[in-house]
Amino acid sequence: MTFGDALERMKAGQKMTRRKWPFDDAVYVEYTAATLQPYLVVRAGEREAIPYTATDVDIFSDDWEAVR
């Protein structure tokens, strides 16, 4: 799946990952507390989620898939 398709699923509440990533990272949408503005975060395993900025490699890849 493309990044655009994955982004739409993330906006709908789905967690996504890339097959080529060597770790169990999941990217998904969170919202700011005050203004409810959406932003992407990435979380690996039990670690705390951190803000995620897609790289050009991530944006142009087509190996995005839903986290099970």
N, C-alpha and C. Protein backbone atom coordinates (compact mmCIF):
# COMPACT_ATOMS: atom_id res chain seq x y z
N MET A 1 0.85 -1.16 0.00
CA MET A 1 0.00 0.00 0.00
C MET A 1 0.91 1.24 0.00
N THR A 2 0.46 2.31 -0.61
CA THR A 2 1.24 3.54 -0.68
C THR A 2 1.13 4.33 0.62
N PHE A 3 2.00 5.32 0.77
CA PHE A 3 1.95 6.18 1.96
C PHE A 3 0.62 6.92 2.03
N GLY A 4 0.13 7.39 0.89
CA GLY A 4 -1.15 8.11 0.88
C GLY A 4 -2.29 7.25 1.41
N ASP A 5 -2.33 6.00 0.97
CA ASP A 5 -3.35 5.07 1.46
C ASP A 5 -3.17 4.81 2.95
N ALA A 6 -1.92 4.62 3.36
CA ALA A 6 -1.63 4.38 4.78
C ALA A 6 -2.01 5.59 5.63
N LEU A 7 -1.75 6.78 5.12
CA LEU A 7 -2.09 7.99 5.86
C LEU A 7 -3.60 8.09 6.08
N GLU A 8 -4.36 7.77 5.06
CA GLU A 8 -5.82 7.80 5.21
C GLU A 8 -6.28 6.81 6.28
N ARG A 9 -5.67 5.65 6.31
CA ARG A 9 -6.02 4.66 7.34
C ARG A 9 -5.60 5.14 8.72
N MET A 10 -4.43 5.79 8.81
CA MET A 10 -3.99 6.32 10.11
C MET A 10 -4.95 7.39 10.59
N LYS A 11 -5.42 8.24 9.68
CA LYS A 11 -6.38 9.28 10.05
C LYS A 11 -7.68 8.67 10.55
N ALA A 12 -7.98 7.45 10.11
CA ALA A 12 -9.20 6.75 10.53
C ALA A 12 -8.97 5.91 11.79
N GLY A 13 -7.74 5.96 12.35
CA GLY A 13 -7.48 5.27 13.61
C GLY A 13 -6.63 4.01 13.51
N GLN A 14 -6.23 3.62 12.32
CA GLN A 14 -5.43 2.41 12.14
C GLN A 14 -3.95 2.68 12.41
N LYS A 15 -3.24 1.70 12.96
CA LYS A 15 -1.80 1.77 13.11
C LYS A 15 -1.16 1.10 11.91
N MET A 16 -0.09 1.71 11.38
CA MET A 16 0.54 1.22 10.16
C MET A 16 2.04 1.01 10.39
N THR A 17 2.62 0.17 9.55
CA THR A 17 4.06 -0.09 9.57
C THR A 17 4.52 -0.33 8.14
N ARG A 18 5.84 -0.45 7.99
CA ARG A 18 6.40 -0.81 6.69
C ARG A 18 7.03 -2.19 6.79
N ARG A 19 6.83 -3.02 5.78
CA ARG A 19 7.43 -4.36 5.76
C ARG A 19 8.95 -4.31 5.83
N LYS A 20 9.57 -3.33 5.23
CA LYS A 20 11.03 -3.26 5.15
C LYS A 20 11.67 -2.72 6.43
N TRP A 21 10.89 -2.23 7.37
CA TRP A 21 11.47 -1.77 8.63
C TRP A 21 11.92 -2.98 9.44
N PRO A 22 13.13 -2.92 10.02
CA PRO A 22 13.64 -4.08 10.76
C PRO A 22 13.04 -4.22 12.17
N PHE A 23 12.29 -3.23 12.62
CA PHE A 23 11.75 -3.25 13.98
C PHE A 23 10.23 -3.28 13.94
N ASP A 24 9.61 -3.46 15.09
CA ASP A 24 8.14 -3.50 15.20
C ASP A 24 7.56 -2.11 15.41
N ASP A 25 7.96 -1.16 14.58
CA ASP A 25 7.48 0.21 14.72
C ASP A 25 6.06 0.33 14.18
N ALA A 26 5.24 1.12 14.85
CA ALA A 26 3.89 1.40 14.40
C ALA A 26 3.70 2.92 14.35
N VAL A 27 3.20 3.41 13.24
CA VAL A 27 2.94 4.83 13.06
C VAL A 27 1.44 5.03 13.13
N TYR A 28 1.02 6.06 13.85
CA TYR A 28 -0.40 6.34 13.97
C TYR A 28 -0.61 7.80 14.33
N VAL A 29 -1.87 8.24 14.36
CA VAL A 29 -2.23 9.62 14.63
C VAL A 29 -2.55 9.81 16.11
N GLU A 30 -2.03 10.88 16.68
CA GLU A 30 -2.45 11.36 18.00
C GLU A 30 -2.91 12.80 17.82
N TYR A 31 -3.53 13.35 18.85
CA TYR A 31 -4.07 14.69 18.77
C TYR A 31 -3.55 15.54 19.93
N THR A 32 -3.27 16.82 19.66
CA THR A 32 -2.85 17.72 20.72
C THR A 32 -4.00 17.89 21.71
N ALA A 33 -3.66 18.12 22.95
CA ALA A 33 -4.68 18.23 24.00
C ALA A 33 -5.52 19.49 23.86
N ALA A 34 -4.88 20.60 23.58
CA ALA A 34 -5.59 21.87 23.58
C ALA A 34 -6.46 22.10 22.34
N THR A 35 -5.92 21.86 21.17
CA THR A 35 -6.63 22.23 19.94
C THR A 35 -7.06 21.03 19.09
N LEU A 36 -6.76 19.83 19.55
CA LEU A 36 -7.09 18.60 18.84
C LEU A 36 -6.55 18.56 17.41
N GLN A 37 -5.35 19.11 17.24
CA GLN A 37 -4.67 19.04 15.94
C GLN A 37 -4.01 17.69 15.80
N PRO A 38 -4.18 17.01 14.67
CA PRO A 38 -3.57 15.69 14.49
C PRO A 38 -2.08 15.79 14.17
N TYR A 39 -1.34 14.78 14.60
CA TYR A 39 0.07 14.65 14.24
C TYR A 39 0.43 13.18 14.28
N LEU A 40 1.46 12.80 13.54
CA LEU A 40 1.89 11.40 13.48
C LEU A 40 2.90 11.11 14.57
N VAL A 41 2.80 9.92 15.14
CA VAL A 41 3.78 9.44 16.11
C VAL A 41 4.21 8.04 15.70
N VAL A 42 5.37 7.62 16.19
CA VAL A 42 5.86 6.27 15.97
C VAL A 42 6.15 5.66 17.33
N ARG A 43 5.80 4.40 17.46
CA ARG A 43 6.03 3.70 18.72
C ARG A 43 6.63 2.34 18.40
N ALA A 44 7.68 2.00 19.12
CA ALA A 44 8.34 0.70 18.94
C ALA A 44 8.17 -0.10 20.22
N GLY A 45 7.45 -1.21 20.11
CA GLY A 45 7.25 -2.07 21.27
C GLY A 45 6.57 -1.35 22.41
N GLU A 46 7.17 -1.44 23.59
CA GLU A 46 6.60 -0.81 24.79
C GLU A 46 7.16 0.59 25.04
N ARG A 47 7.99 1.08 24.15
CA ARG A 47 8.57 2.42 24.32
C ARG A 47 7.50 3.49 24.15
N GLU A 48 7.79 4.66 24.68
CA GLU A 48 6.88 5.79 24.55
C GLU A 48 6.84 6.27 23.09
N ALA A 49 5.67 6.66 22.64
CA ALA A 49 5.52 7.17 21.28
C ALA A 49 6.22 8.52 21.15
N ILE A 50 6.87 8.74 20.00
CA ILE A 50 7.54 10.01 19.72
C ILE A 50 7.03 10.55 18.38
N PRO A 51 7.12 11.86 18.17
CA PRO A 51 6.66 12.42 16.89
C PRO A 51 7.38 11.77 15.71
N TYR A 52 6.66 11.58 14.62
CA TYR A 52 7.18 10.93 13.43
C TYR A 52 7.10 11.88 12.25
N THR A 53 8.20 12.01 11.53
CA THR A 53 8.23 12.75 10.28
C THR A 53 8.61 11.78 9.18
N ALA A 54 7.75 11.61 8.22
CA ALA A 54 8.02 10.68 7.12
C ALA A 54 9.19 11.18 6.28
N THR A 55 10.08 10.26 5.93
CA THR A 55 11.19 10.59 5.04
C THR A 55 10.73 10.44 3.60
N ASP A 56 11.53 10.91 2.66
CA ASP A 56 11.15 10.74 1.26
C ASP A 56 11.08 9.26 0.90
N VAL A 57 11.91 8.43 1.50
CA VAL A 57 11.87 6.99 1.25
C VAL A 57 10.53 6.42 1.72
N ASP A 58 10.07 6.84 2.91
CA ASP A 58 8.78 6.37 3.43
C ASP A 58 7.62 6.84 2.54
N ILE A 59 7.68 8.07 2.09
CA ILE A 59 6.59 8.64 1.30
C ILE A 59 6.46 7.94 -0.05
N PHE A 60 7.58 7.58 -0.67
CA PHE A 60 7.54 6.96 -1.99
C PHE A 60 7.48 5.43 -1.97
N SER A 61 7.49 4.84 -0.78
CA SER A 61 7.46 3.37 -0.70
C SER A 61 6.02 2.88 -0.88
N ASP A 62 5.91 1.61 -1.24
CA ASP A 62 4.58 1.02 -1.40
C ASP A 62 4.45 -0.27 -0.58
N ASP A 63 5.21 -0.34 0.52
CA ASP A 63 5.16 -1.54 1.37
C ASP A 63 4.51 -1.27 2.73
N TRP A 64 3.65 -0.27 2.80
CA TRP A 64 2.93 0.03 4.03
C TRP A 64 1.88 -1.03 4.26
N GLU A 65 1.68 -1.41 5.52
CA GLU A 65 0.65 -2.38 5.86
C GLU A 65 0.12 -2.12 7.26
N ALA A 66 -1.07 -2.59 7.52
CA ALA A 66 -1.71 -2.41 8.82
C ALA A 66 -1.02 -3.27 9.86
N VAL A 67 -0.90 -2.75 11.07
CA VAL A 67 -0.37 -3.51 12.19
C VAL A 67 -1.47 -4.43 12.67
N ARG A 68 -1.12 -5.67 12.93
CA ARG A 68 -2.12 -6.65 13.36
C ARG A 68 -2.24 -6.70 14.85
